[in-house]
Amino acid sequence: MRGVMEAACRGCKEEGGKTVGILPGPSVNEANPYVDIAIVTDMGHARNAIIAASCDAAIAVGGEYGTLSEIALSIKNGKPVIILCSKWDIEGTIPAHSAKEAVDMAFKQIN
């Protein structure tokens, strides 16, 4: 869980938050160094259903088909989805132009 997820966890920790990593593989060692609570699923992309069901709002950053499935599952679960740097134009999502704007929009949607 490097890249976007590591950056999100690092930012959360810098602001004093707690982080949870829902890992696709079989080992807690796959968690990035900023994850406080690692949930090992050994489910690959099927873990996206857990993420979509458990979140209050989803922020999708760029991404490939795994991200697309998280977007679809989140929308299907009635969760707000904020899109940042996406190559897709998906009905029901909310576009953001910066990470800060995406986070602010997510909190606005759930409050």
N, C-alpha and C. Protein backbone atom coordinates (compact mmCIF):
# COMPACT_ATOMS: atom_id res chain seq x y z
N MET A 1 0.84 -1.19 0.00
CA MET A 1 0.00 0.00 0.00
C MET A 1 0.88 1.25 0.00
N ARG A 2 1.52 1.49 -1.09
CA ARG A 2 2.38 2.65 -1.23
C ARG A 2 1.67 3.67 -2.12
N GLY A 3 2.37 4.70 -2.52
CA GLY A 3 1.79 5.67 -3.43
C GLY A 3 0.72 6.53 -2.77
N VAL A 4 -0.45 6.57 -3.39
CA VAL A 4 -1.54 7.42 -2.92
C VAL A 4 -1.96 7.06 -1.49
N MET A 5 -2.07 5.77 -1.21
CA MET A 5 -2.52 5.37 0.13
C MET A 5 -1.50 5.75 1.19
N GLU A 6 -0.23 5.60 0.88
CA GLU A 6 0.80 6.01 1.84
C GLU A 6 0.75 7.51 2.07
N ALA A 7 0.59 8.28 1.01
CA ALA A 7 0.51 9.74 1.13
C ALA A 7 -0.71 10.14 1.96
N ALA A 8 -1.84 9.49 1.74
CA ALA A 8 -3.05 9.80 2.51
C ALA A 8 -2.83 9.48 4.00
N CYS A 9 -2.23 8.34 4.28
CA CYS A 9 -1.97 7.97 5.67
C CYS A 9 -0.97 8.92 6.32
N ARG A 10 0.07 9.29 5.59
CA ARG A 10 1.07 10.22 6.12
C ARG A 10 0.41 11.56 6.45
N GLY A 11 -0.42 12.08 5.55
CA GLY A 11 -1.11 13.34 5.79
C GLY A 11 -2.03 13.26 7.00
N CYS A 12 -2.73 12.16 7.13
CA CYS A 12 -3.62 11.95 8.28
C CYS A 12 -2.82 11.98 9.58
N LYS A 13 -1.70 11.26 9.59
CA LYS A 13 -0.86 11.21 10.80
C LYS A 13 -0.30 12.59 11.13
N GLU A 14 0.10 13.34 10.12
CA GLU A 14 0.64 14.69 10.33
C GLU A 14 -0.38 15.61 10.97
N GLU A 15 -1.67 15.34 10.73
CA GLU A 15 -2.74 16.15 11.32
C GLU A 15 -3.26 15.55 12.62
N GLY A 16 -2.60 14.51 13.13
CA GLY A 16 -2.97 13.93 14.41
C GLY A 16 -4.04 12.85 14.33
N GLY A 17 -4.33 12.37 13.13
CA GLY A 17 -5.37 11.35 12.97
C GLY A 17 -4.85 9.94 13.15
N LYS A 18 -5.78 9.01 13.18
CA LYS A 18 -5.49 7.57 13.23
C LYS A 18 -5.78 6.99 11.85
N THR A 19 -4.99 6.02 11.45
CA THR A 19 -5.14 5.44 10.12
C THR A 19 -5.47 3.95 10.20
N VAL A 20 -6.25 3.51 9.23
CA VAL A 20 -6.61 2.11 9.09
C VAL A 20 -6.26 1.71 7.66
N GLY A 21 -5.53 0.62 7.52
CA GLY A 21 -5.21 0.08 6.20
C GLY A 21 -5.94 -1.22 5.99
N ILE A 22 -6.80 -1.28 4.98
CA ILE A 22 -7.50 -2.52 4.63
C ILE A 22 -6.69 -3.14 3.49
N LEU A 23 -5.88 -4.12 3.85
CA LEU A 23 -4.85 -4.64 2.96
C LEU A 23 -5.39 -5.72 2.02
N PRO A 24 -4.96 -5.69 0.75
CA PRO A 24 -5.43 -6.69 -0.19
C PRO A 24 -4.78 -8.05 -0.02
N GLY A 25 -3.60 -8.09 0.56
CA GLY A 25 -2.84 -9.33 0.62
C GLY A 25 -2.93 -10.05 1.96
N PRO A 26 -2.04 -11.05 2.12
CA PRO A 26 -2.10 -11.93 3.29
C PRO A 26 -1.22 -11.52 4.46
N SER A 27 -0.55 -10.37 4.38
CA SER A 27 0.42 -10.04 5.42
C SER A 27 0.29 -8.61 5.92
N VAL A 28 0.40 -8.46 7.22
CA VAL A 28 0.41 -7.14 7.83
C VAL A 28 1.64 -6.34 7.38
N ASN A 29 2.65 -7.03 6.92
CA ASN A 29 3.87 -6.37 6.45
C ASN A 29 3.66 -5.57 5.17
N GLU A 30 2.52 -5.73 4.52
CA GLU A 30 2.20 -4.95 3.33
C GLU A 30 1.75 -3.53 3.66
N ALA A 31 1.46 -3.27 4.92
CA ALA A 31 1.00 -1.94 5.32
C ALA A 31 2.14 -0.94 5.19
N ASN A 32 1.79 0.28 4.82
CA ASN A 32 2.82 1.32 4.78
C ASN A 32 3.14 1.75 6.21
N PRO A 33 4.25 2.47 6.40
CA PRO A 33 4.69 2.79 7.76
C PRO A 33 3.76 3.74 8.53
N TYR A 34 2.77 4.31 7.87
CA TYR A 34 1.87 5.27 8.51
C TYR A 34 0.53 4.64 8.92
N VAL A 35 0.38 3.35 8.74
CA VAL A 35 -0.86 2.66 9.11
C VAL A 35 -0.82 2.30 10.59
N ASP A 36 -1.82 2.76 11.35
CA ASP A 36 -1.94 2.42 12.77
C ASP A 36 -2.60 1.06 12.96
N ILE A 37 -3.67 0.82 12.23
CA ILE A 37 -4.42 -0.43 12.35
C ILE A 37 -4.45 -1.07 10.97
N ALA A 38 -3.85 -2.25 10.86
CA ALA A 38 -3.81 -2.97 9.59
C ALA A 38 -4.82 -4.11 9.63
N ILE A 39 -5.70 -4.13 8.63
CA ILE A 39 -6.69 -5.20 8.50
C ILE A 39 -6.28 -6.04 7.29
N VAL A 40 -5.83 -7.26 7.56
CA VAL A 40 -5.39 -8.16 6.50
C VAL A 40 -6.61 -8.89 5.95
N THR A 41 -6.81 -8.82 4.63
CA THR A 41 -7.98 -9.49 4.04
C THR A 41 -7.62 -10.68 3.18
N ASP A 42 -6.45 -10.67 2.54
CA ASP A 42 -6.05 -11.70 1.57
C ASP A 42 -7.15 -11.88 0.52
N MET A 43 -7.78 -10.76 0.12
CA MET A 43 -8.90 -10.79 -0.81
C MET A 43 -8.62 -10.08 -2.12
N GLY A 44 -7.42 -9.53 -2.31
CA GLY A 44 -7.14 -8.80 -3.53
C GLY A 44 -8.12 -7.64 -3.71
N HIS A 45 -8.61 -7.47 -4.93
CA HIS A 45 -9.53 -6.37 -5.21
C HIS A 45 -10.89 -6.55 -4.56
N ALA A 46 -11.21 -7.74 -4.10
CA ALA A 46 -12.49 -7.95 -3.42
C ALA A 46 -12.57 -7.12 -2.14
N ARG A 47 -11.43 -6.72 -1.62
CA ARG A 47 -11.43 -5.87 -0.42
C ARG A 47 -12.11 -4.53 -0.70
N ASN A 48 -12.22 -4.16 -1.96
CA ASN A 48 -12.86 -2.89 -2.31
C ASN A 48 -14.30 -2.83 -1.81
N ALA A 49 -14.96 -3.98 -1.72
CA ALA A 49 -16.32 -4.02 -1.19
C ALA A 49 -16.32 -3.63 0.29
N ILE A 50 -15.31 -4.06 1.03
CA ILE A 50 -15.19 -3.71 2.44
C ILE A 50 -14.95 -2.21 2.58
N ILE A 51 -14.07 -1.69 1.77
CA ILE A 51 -13.77 -0.25 1.81
C ILE A 51 -15.03 0.56 1.51
N ALA A 52 -15.74 0.20 0.45
CA ALA A 52 -16.93 0.94 0.04
C ALA A 52 -18.05 0.86 1.07
N ALA A 53 -18.16 -0.26 1.74
CA ALA A 53 -19.21 -0.41 2.76
C ALA A 53 -18.85 0.29 4.06
N SER A 54 -17.56 0.42 4.34
CA SER A 54 -17.11 0.96 5.64
C SER A 54 -16.87 2.46 5.64
N CYS A 55 -16.66 3.05 4.48
CA CYS A 55 -16.33 4.49 4.45
C CYS A 55 -17.59 5.35 4.62
N ASP A 56 -17.37 6.58 5.08
CA ASP A 56 -18.45 7.57 5.11
C ASP A 56 -18.51 8.31 3.79
N ALA A 57 -17.33 8.51 3.19
CA ALA A 57 -17.19 9.13 1.87
C ALA A 57 -15.92 8.57 1.26
N ALA A 58 -15.87 8.50 -0.05
CA ALA A 58 -14.69 7.99 -0.74
C ALA A 58 -14.04 9.12 -1.53
N ILE A 59 -12.72 9.15 -1.50
CA ILE A 59 -11.95 10.05 -2.35
C ILE A 59 -11.14 9.16 -3.28
N ALA A 60 -11.43 9.24 -4.57
CA ALA A 60 -10.74 8.44 -5.57
C ALA A 60 -9.71 9.32 -6.27
N VAL A 61 -8.47 8.89 -6.24
CA VAL A 61 -7.37 9.66 -6.84
C VAL A 61 -6.83 8.90 -8.03
N GLY A 62 -6.95 9.52 -9.21
CA GLY A 62 -6.43 8.89 -10.43
C GLY A 62 -6.95 7.49 -10.55
N GLY A 63 -6.04 6.56 -10.63
CA GLY A 63 -6.39 5.16 -10.50
C GLY A 63 -6.61 4.40 -11.78
N GLU A 64 -6.69 3.12 -11.57
CA GLU A 64 -6.95 2.17 -12.65
C GLU A 64 -8.28 1.47 -12.37
N TYR A 65 -8.44 0.25 -12.79
CA TYR A 65 -9.72 -0.43 -12.66
C TYR A 65 -10.07 -0.78 -11.22
N GLY A 66 -9.07 -0.99 -10.37
CA GLY A 66 -9.36 -1.22 -8.95
C GLY A 66 -10.03 -0.01 -8.33
N THR A 67 -9.52 1.17 -8.67
CA THR A 67 -10.12 2.42 -8.20
C THR A 67 -11.53 2.58 -8.78
N LEU A 68 -11.69 2.22 -10.03
CA LEU A 68 -13.00 2.31 -10.66
C LEU A 68 -14.01 1.42 -9.93
N SER A 69 -13.57 0.24 -9.51
CA SER A 69 -14.50 -0.63 -8.78
C SER A 69 -14.84 -0.04 -7.42
N GLU A 70 -13.88 0.62 -6.75
CA GLU A 70 -14.18 1.29 -5.47
C GLU A 70 -15.19 2.41 -5.68
N ILE A 71 -15.05 3.15 -6.77
CA ILE A 71 -16.00 4.22 -7.08
C ILE A 71 -17.39 3.64 -7.26
N ALA A 72 -17.50 2.61 -8.10
CA ALA A 72 -18.80 2.01 -8.39
C ALA A 72 -19.44 1.44 -7.13
N LEU A 73 -18.67 0.72 -6.35
CA LEU A 73 -19.21 0.12 -5.13
C LEU A 73 -19.63 1.18 -4.12
N SER A 74 -18.85 2.26 -4.02
CA SER A 74 -19.21 3.34 -3.09
C SER A 74 -20.51 4.01 -3.52
N ILE A 75 -20.65 4.30 -4.80
CA ILE A 75 -21.89 4.89 -5.30
C ILE A 75 -23.06 3.94 -5.05
N LYS A 76 -22.86 2.66 -5.34
CA LYS A 76 -23.90 1.65 -5.14
C LYS A 76 -24.34 1.59 -3.67
N ASN A 77 -23.38 1.85 -2.75
CA ASN A 77 -23.67 1.86 -1.32
C ASN A 77 -24.18 3.21 -0.82
N GLY A 78 -24.42 4.14 -1.74
CA GLY A 78 -24.97 5.44 -1.36
C GLY A 78 -23.98 6.38 -0.70
N LYS A 79 -22.71 6.14 -0.92
CA LYS A 79 -21.67 6.98 -0.32
C LYS A 79 -21.25 8.08 -1.29
N PRO A 80 -20.98 9.28 -0.79
CA PRO A 80 -20.47 10.31 -1.68
C PRO A 80 -19.06 9.95 -2.16
N VAL A 81 -18.80 10.23 -3.43
CA VAL A 81 -17.50 9.93 -4.02
C VAL A 81 -16.92 11.20 -4.63
N ILE A 82 -15.77 11.60 -4.12
CA ILE A 82 -15.06 12.76 -4.64
C ILE A 82 -13.93 12.24 -5.52
N ILE A 83 -13.80 12.82 -6.70
CA ILE A 83 -12.82 12.37 -7.69
C ILE A 83 -11.73 13.42 -7.83
N LEU A 84 -10.48 12.98 -7.79
CA LEU A 84 -9.33 13.86 -7.96
C LEU A 84 -8.41 13.25 -9.01
N CYS A 85 -8.10 14.01 -10.04
CA CYS A 85 -7.19 13.56 -11.11
C CYS A 85 -7.68 12.28 -11.78
N SER A 86 -8.95 12.20 -12.03
CA SER A 86 -9.52 11.00 -12.64
C SER A 86 -9.54 11.10 -14.15
N LYS A 87 -9.36 9.97 -14.81
CA LYS A 87 -9.49 9.94 -16.26
C LYS A 87 -10.91 9.60 -16.68
N TRP A 88 -11.78 9.38 -15.68
CA TRP A 88 -13.16 9.01 -15.96
C TRP A 88 -14.11 10.14 -15.55
N ASP A 89 -15.18 10.30 -16.31
CA ASP A 89 -16.26 11.22 -15.96
C ASP A 89 -17.45 10.34 -15.59
N ILE A 90 -17.68 10.21 -14.29
CA ILE A 90 -18.67 9.25 -13.80
C ILE A 90 -19.82 10.00 -13.14
N GLU A 91 -21.03 9.74 -13.64
CA GLU A 91 -22.22 10.34 -13.06
C GLU A 91 -22.31 9.97 -11.58
N GLY A 92 -22.63 10.97 -10.76
CA GLY A 92 -22.78 10.73 -9.33
C GLY A 92 -21.53 11.02 -8.52
N THR A 93 -20.43 11.39 -9.20
CA THR A 93 -19.21 11.74 -8.47
C THR A 93 -19.06 13.25 -8.41
N ILE A 94 -18.22 13.70 -7.49
CA ILE A 94 -17.99 15.13 -7.28
C ILE A 94 -16.53 15.42 -7.59
N PRO A 95 -16.25 16.25 -8.59
CA PRO A 95 -14.85 16.53 -8.93
C PRO A 95 -14.20 17.50 -7.95
N ALA A 96 -12.93 17.27 -7.67
CA ALA A 96 -12.13 18.18 -6.86
C ALA A 96 -10.86 18.50 -7.64
N HIS A 97 -10.25 19.64 -7.29
CA HIS A 97 -9.06 20.08 -8.02
C HIS A 97 -7.78 20.03 -7.19
N SER A 98 -7.91 19.69 -5.92
CA SER A 98 -6.73 19.53 -5.06
C SER A 98 -7.07 18.55 -3.95
N ALA A 99 -6.04 18.04 -3.32
CA ALA A 99 -6.26 17.11 -2.21
C ALA A 99 -7.02 17.79 -1.07
N LYS A 100 -6.66 19.02 -0.75
CA LYS A 100 -7.35 19.75 0.32
C LYS A 100 -8.82 19.93 -0.02
N GLU A 101 -9.09 20.32 -1.27
CA GLU A 101 -10.49 20.49 -1.69
C GLU A 101 -11.25 19.17 -1.60
N ALA A 102 -10.61 18.07 -1.97
CA ALA A 102 -11.27 16.76 -1.91
C ALA A 102 -11.63 16.40 -0.46
N VAL A 103 -10.71 16.62 0.45
CA VAL A 103 -10.97 16.32 1.86
C VAL A 103 -12.07 17.23 2.40
N ASP A 104 -11.99 18.52 2.09
CA ASP A 104 -13.03 19.45 2.56
C ASP A 104 -14.40 19.04 2.01
N MET A 105 -14.46 18.65 0.75
CA MET A 105 -15.72 18.22 0.14
C MET A 105 -16.25 16.96 0.81
N ALA A 106 -15.35 16.03 1.12
CA ALA A 106 -15.78 14.78 1.77
C ALA A 106 -16.40 15.09 3.13
N PHE A 107 -15.75 15.94 3.92
CA PHE A 107 -16.30 16.29 5.23
C PHE A 107 -17.63 17.04 5.08
N LYS A 108 -17.74 17.90 4.08
CA LYS A 108 -18.99 18.63 3.85
C LYS A 108 -20.12 17.65 3.51
N GLN A 109 -19.81 16.61 2.76
CA GLN A 109 -20.83 15.62 2.37
C GLN A 109 -21.32 14.78 3.53
N ILE A 110 -20.47 14.54 4.52
CA ILE A 110 -20.86 13.65 5.61
C ILE A 110 -21.33 14.40 6.85
N ASN A 111 -21.17 15.70 6.88
CA ASN A 111 -21.62 16.49 8.04
C ASN A 111 -22.96 17.14 7.79
